[in-house]
């Protein structure tokens, strides 16, 4: 599996069979210019969005005009199984910011989970729906999502082998959210990947849970 971090919560994931999946693409300049990451210009076979906010969903105009699925439930693309687990964007069941979908993909080698804009801790039933996780993409900036402490709890609940933080403050985002360092302080083993792309297989997963910070590429 090849994972490239574009920025904010947007990742391009290439599965073992070379199926290309785009997660939560953003609209550059949205929210009155608060989102200043560069254009999402990578080709994908399918676009998967956890919810319809402009920093996570692009309706059209992406290269190749890929099929776009918001709040995926069950999809199959190439040799990849995609399932969605319903959650909320806040701690009140979605009454403040709406619903959120946890997106799980399994390419027959690795199982990757993108938490979208998760706004609450996971109960045992939801964690069971998510299932086993090799690679977890987790929001850590707080305010609109879980904060660093809640993110650490979610990581412990799902027990992935690789943790990749997302949705945190950088020079490219004007939201009142925290940076990544508070979350990193909760993690035992942290590495900073020099490249925005990570290539991993089941055989090369770290023996111990490792949090990897990927630099954004846009």
Protein backbone atom coordinates (compact mmCIF):
# COMPACT_ATOMS: atom_id res chain seq x y z
CA UNK A 1 0.00 0.00 0.00
CA UNK A 2 1.24 3.45 -0.97
CA UNK A 3 -0.05 6.39 1.11
CA UNK A 4 0.54 10.02 0.12
CA UNK A 5 -0.46 12.92 2.37
CA UNK A 6 -1.70 15.89 0.37
CA UNK A 7 -2.73 17.99 3.36
CA UNK A 8 -5.36 18.52 6.07
CA UNK A 9 -7.31 15.19 5.96
CA UNK A 10 -6.64 14.40 2.29
CA UNK A 11 -4.70 11.29 1.33
CA UNK A 12 -4.13 9.41 -1.90
CA UNK A 13 -3.92 5.67 -1.20
CA UNK A 14 -2.79 3.18 -3.82
CA UNK A 15 -3.80 -0.36 -2.96
CA UNK A 16 -1.89 -3.56 -3.66
CA UNK A 17 -3.70 -3.96 -7.02
CA UNK A 18 -2.90 -0.29 -7.89
CA UNK A 19 -6.46 0.94 -7.27
CA UNK A 20 -6.14 4.63 -6.38
CA UNK A 21 -8.40 6.04 -3.67
CA UNK A 22 -8.64 9.69 -2.68
CA UNK A 23 -9.80 10.39 0.87
CA UNK A 24 -11.45 13.67 1.93
CA UNK A 25 -10.22 16.07 -0.78
CA UNK A 26 -10.56 19.75 0.13
CA UNK A 27 -11.60 22.80 -1.87
CA UNK A 28 -8.62 25.21 -1.98
CA UNK A 29 -9.62 28.65 -0.71
CA UNK A 30 -12.75 27.38 1.03
CA UNK A 31 -13.96 28.83 4.31
CA UNK A 32 -13.13 32.38 3.17
CA UNK A 33 -9.57 31.44 2.32
CA UNK A 34 -8.79 29.47 5.48
CA UNK A 35 -7.82 26.39 3.44
CA UNK A 36 -4.68 27.31 1.51
CA UNK A 37 -3.30 23.89 0.62
CA UNK A 38 -2.64 23.60 -3.12
CA UNK A 39 -5.03 22.00 -5.63
CA UNK A 40 -5.83 18.31 -5.40
CA UNK A 41 -4.45 17.31 -8.79
CA UNK A 42 -3.79 13.58 -8.42
CA UNK A 43 -5.81 11.07 -10.44
CA UNK A 44 -7.91 8.58 -8.49
CA UNK A 45 -10.24 5.73 -9.38
CA UNK A 46 -12.63 6.63 -6.57
CA UNK A 47 -13.03 9.53 -4.15
CA UNK A 48 -14.22 8.76 -0.63
CA UNK A 49 -15.50 11.55 1.61
CA UNK A 50 -16.38 11.22 5.27
CA UNK A 51 -18.85 14.13 5.08
CA UNK A 52 -19.80 17.06 2.86
CA UNK A 53 -17.86 19.99 4.36
CA UNK A 54 -15.69 21.81 1.79
CA UNK A 55 -12.45 20.89 3.54
CA UNK A 56 -13.34 17.20 3.05
CA UNK A 57 -15.46 17.02 -0.10
CA UNK A 58 -15.04 18.10 -3.73
CA UNK A 59 -18.13 17.55 -5.87
CA UNK A 60 -16.45 17.78 -9.28
CA UNK A 61 -13.39 19.01 -11.13
CA UNK A 62 -10.94 16.40 -9.92
CA UNK A 63 -8.61 14.91 -12.58
CA UNK A 64 -10.20 12.11 -14.60
CA UNK A 65 -13.69 12.78 -13.24
CA UNK A 66 -13.57 9.90 -10.73
CA UNK A 67 -16.61 8.42 -9.04
CA UNK A 68 -17.21 10.26 -5.78
CA UNK A 69 -18.86 8.57 -2.79
CA UNK A 70 -19.82 10.51 0.32
CA UNK A 71 -20.60 8.56 3.51
CA UNK A 72 -19.67 5.23 1.86
CA UNK A 73 -21.47 2.18 3.25
CA UNK A 74 -20.15 -0.73 1.21
CA UNK A 75 -18.15 -0.43 -2.00
CA UNK A 76 -15.86 -2.70 -4.00
CA UNK A 77 -13.27 -1.20 -6.37
CA UNK A 78 -10.73 -3.41 -8.08
CA UNK A 79 -9.71 -5.89 -5.39
CA UNK A 80 -10.41 -3.45 -2.55
CA UNK A 81 -13.30 -3.73 -0.09
CA UNK A 82 -14.53 -0.42 1.32
CA UNK A 83 -16.90 -0.13 4.27
CA UNK A 84 -18.22 2.86 6.18
CA UNK A 85 -19.01 3.07 9.88
CA UNK A 86 -21.42 5.82 10.87
CA UNK A 87 -20.22 8.22 13.56
CA UNK A 88 -20.66 11.90 14.40
CA UNK A 89 -18.77 15.14 13.84
CA UNK A 90 -19.39 16.17 17.45
CA UNK A 91 -20.15 14.78 20.88
CA UNK A 92 -23.93 15.18 20.54
CA UNK A 93 -24.72 12.62 17.87
CA UNK A 94 -24.28 15.08 15.01
CA UNK A 95 -26.68 17.76 16.24
CA UNK A 96 -23.96 20.44 16.03
CA UNK A 97 -21.91 19.53 12.94
CA UNK A 98 -23.64 16.54 11.37
CA UNK A 99 -22.71 12.95 10.71
CA UNK A 100 -19.27 11.58 9.94
CA UNK A 101 -18.28 8.30 8.33
CA UNK A 102 -15.26 6.28 9.38
CA UNK A 103 -13.92 4.81 6.13
CA UNK A 104 -12.29 1.37 6.24
CA UNK A 105 -10.45 -0.13 3.26
CA UNK A 106 -9.00 -3.62 2.92
CA UNK A 107 -6.85 -4.51 -0.08
CA UNK A 108 -6.22 -8.11 0.95
CA UNK A 109 -2.87 -7.25 2.52
CA UNK A 110 -3.52 -4.25 4.76
CA UNK A 111 -6.52 -2.67 6.44
CA UNK A 112 -6.46 1.13 6.54
CA UNK A 113 -8.97 3.28 8.45
CA UNK A 114 -9.60 7.01 7.89
CA UNK A 115 -11.53 8.54 10.79
CA UNK A 116 -12.69 11.66 8.92
CA UNK A 117 -13.80 14.42 11.28
CA UNK A 118 -14.56 12.13 14.19
CA UNK A 119 -15.90 14.19 17.08
CA UNK A 120 -16.18 11.67 19.91
CA UNK A 121 -14.67 8.60 21.53
CA UNK A 122 -15.60 5.18 20.17
CA UNK A 123 -17.88 2.89 22.11
CA UNK A 124 -17.28 -0.85 22.02
CA UNK A 125 -19.92 -1.48 19.34
CA UNK A 126 -18.45 1.11 16.98
CA UNK A 127 -14.93 -0.16 17.56
CA UNK A 128 -16.15 -3.67 16.76
CA UNK A 129 -17.71 -2.40 13.51
CA UNK A 130 -14.40 -0.80 12.53
CA UNK A 131 -12.61 -4.06 13.21
CA UNK A 132 -8.85 -4.70 13.08
CA UNK A 133 -6.68 -1.81 11.93
CA UNK A 134 -3.18 -1.86 10.49
CA UNK A 135 -2.95 1.84 9.58
CA UNK A 136 -5.02 4.57 11.26
CA UNK A 137 -5.45 8.12 9.93
CA UNK A 138 -6.63 10.13 12.93
CA UNK A 139 -7.64 13.81 13.42
CA UNK A 140 -5.82 15.37 16.36
CA UNK A 141 -6.36 19.15 16.21
CA UNK A 142 -9.47 19.46 18.36
CA UNK A 143 -12.14 22.19 18.21
CA UNK A 144 -13.97 20.64 15.22
CA UNK A 145 -12.80 17.07 15.93
CA UNK A 146 -11.43 15.02 18.78
CA UNK A 147 -8.45 16.65 20.46
CA UNK A 148 -5.06 15.15 21.21
CA UNK A 149 -6.16 13.38 24.39
CA UNK A 150 -9.28 11.87 22.80
CA UNK A 151 -7.25 10.91 19.73
CA UNK A 152 -4.79 9.05 21.95
CA UNK A 153 -7.71 7.17 23.54
CA UNK A 154 -9.13 6.26 20.12
CA UNK A 155 -5.69 5.02 19.05
CA UNK A 156 -5.54 2.81 22.13
CA UNK A 157 -9.06 1.53 21.44
CA UNK A 158 -8.32 0.52 17.84
CA UNK A 159 -4.70 -0.54 18.45
CA UNK A 160 -3.24 0.01 14.96
CA UNK A 161 0.36 -0.70 14.04
CA UNK A 162 0.85 2.62 12.24
CA UNK A 163 -0.76 5.92 13.30
CA UNK A 164 -0.75 8.91 10.94
CA UNK A 165 -2.07 12.19 12.40
CA UNK A 166 -4.13 14.59 10.28
CA UNK A 167 -6.44 17.62 10.59
CA UNK A 168 -4.11 19.76 12.67
CA UNK A 169 -2.81 23.32 12.48
CA UNK A 170 -0.18 24.07 9.83
CA UNK A 171 0.77 27.28 7.99
CA UNK A 172 -1.68 26.16 5.28
CA UNK A 173 -4.81 26.14 7.46
CA UNK A 174 -6.50 29.08 9.16
CA UNK A 175 -8.79 27.11 11.48
CA UNK A 176 -8.52 27.55 15.27
CA UNK A 177 -7.17 24.04 15.79
CA UNK A 178 -4.08 22.77 17.57
CA UNK A 179 -0.86 21.65 15.99
CA UNK A 180 0.38 18.08 16.00
CA UNK A 181 2.87 18.31 18.88
CA UNK A 182 0.38 17.82 21.74
CA UNK A 183 -0.74 14.55 20.18
CA UNK A 184 2.82 13.41 19.56
CA UNK A 185 3.45 13.92 23.27
CA UNK A 186 0.91 11.18 24.01
CA UNK A 187 2.65 8.62 21.79
CA UNK A 188 5.54 6.40 22.83
CA UNK A 189 7.22 5.88 19.45
CA UNK A 190 7.17 8.79 16.98
CA UNK A 191 8.95 9.12 13.66
CA UNK A 192 8.94 11.98 11.16
CA UNK A 193 8.84 10.63 7.64
CA UNK A 194 11.00 12.77 5.32
CA UNK A 195 8.67 12.15 2.38
CA UNK A 196 4.89 12.68 2.08
CA UNK A 197 4.59 9.16 0.64
CA UNK A 198 4.80 6.02 2.73
CA UNK A 199 5.02 2.54 1.21
CA UNK A 200 4.14 -0.37 3.48
CA UNK A 201 3.10 -4.02 3.31
CA UNK A 202 1.93 -6.42 5.98
CA UNK A 203 5.45 -7.80 6.10
CA UNK A 204 7.02 -4.37 6.69
CA UNK A 205 4.64 -3.15 9.42
CA UNK A 206 6.59 -2.05 12.50
CA UNK A 207 6.79 -4.53 15.34
CA UNK A 208 5.61 -1.84 17.77
CA UNK A 209 2.90 0.74 17.24
CA UNK A 210 4.54 3.69 15.52
CA UNK A 211 3.19 7.19 14.96
CA UNK A 212 4.43 8.60 11.65
CA UNK A 213 4.19 12.29 10.82
CA UNK A 214 4.04 12.78 7.07
CA UNK A 215 4.83 16.20 5.58
CA UNK A 216 1.98 17.57 3.47
CA UNK A 217 2.68 17.69 -0.26
CA UNK A 218 0.28 20.48 -1.29
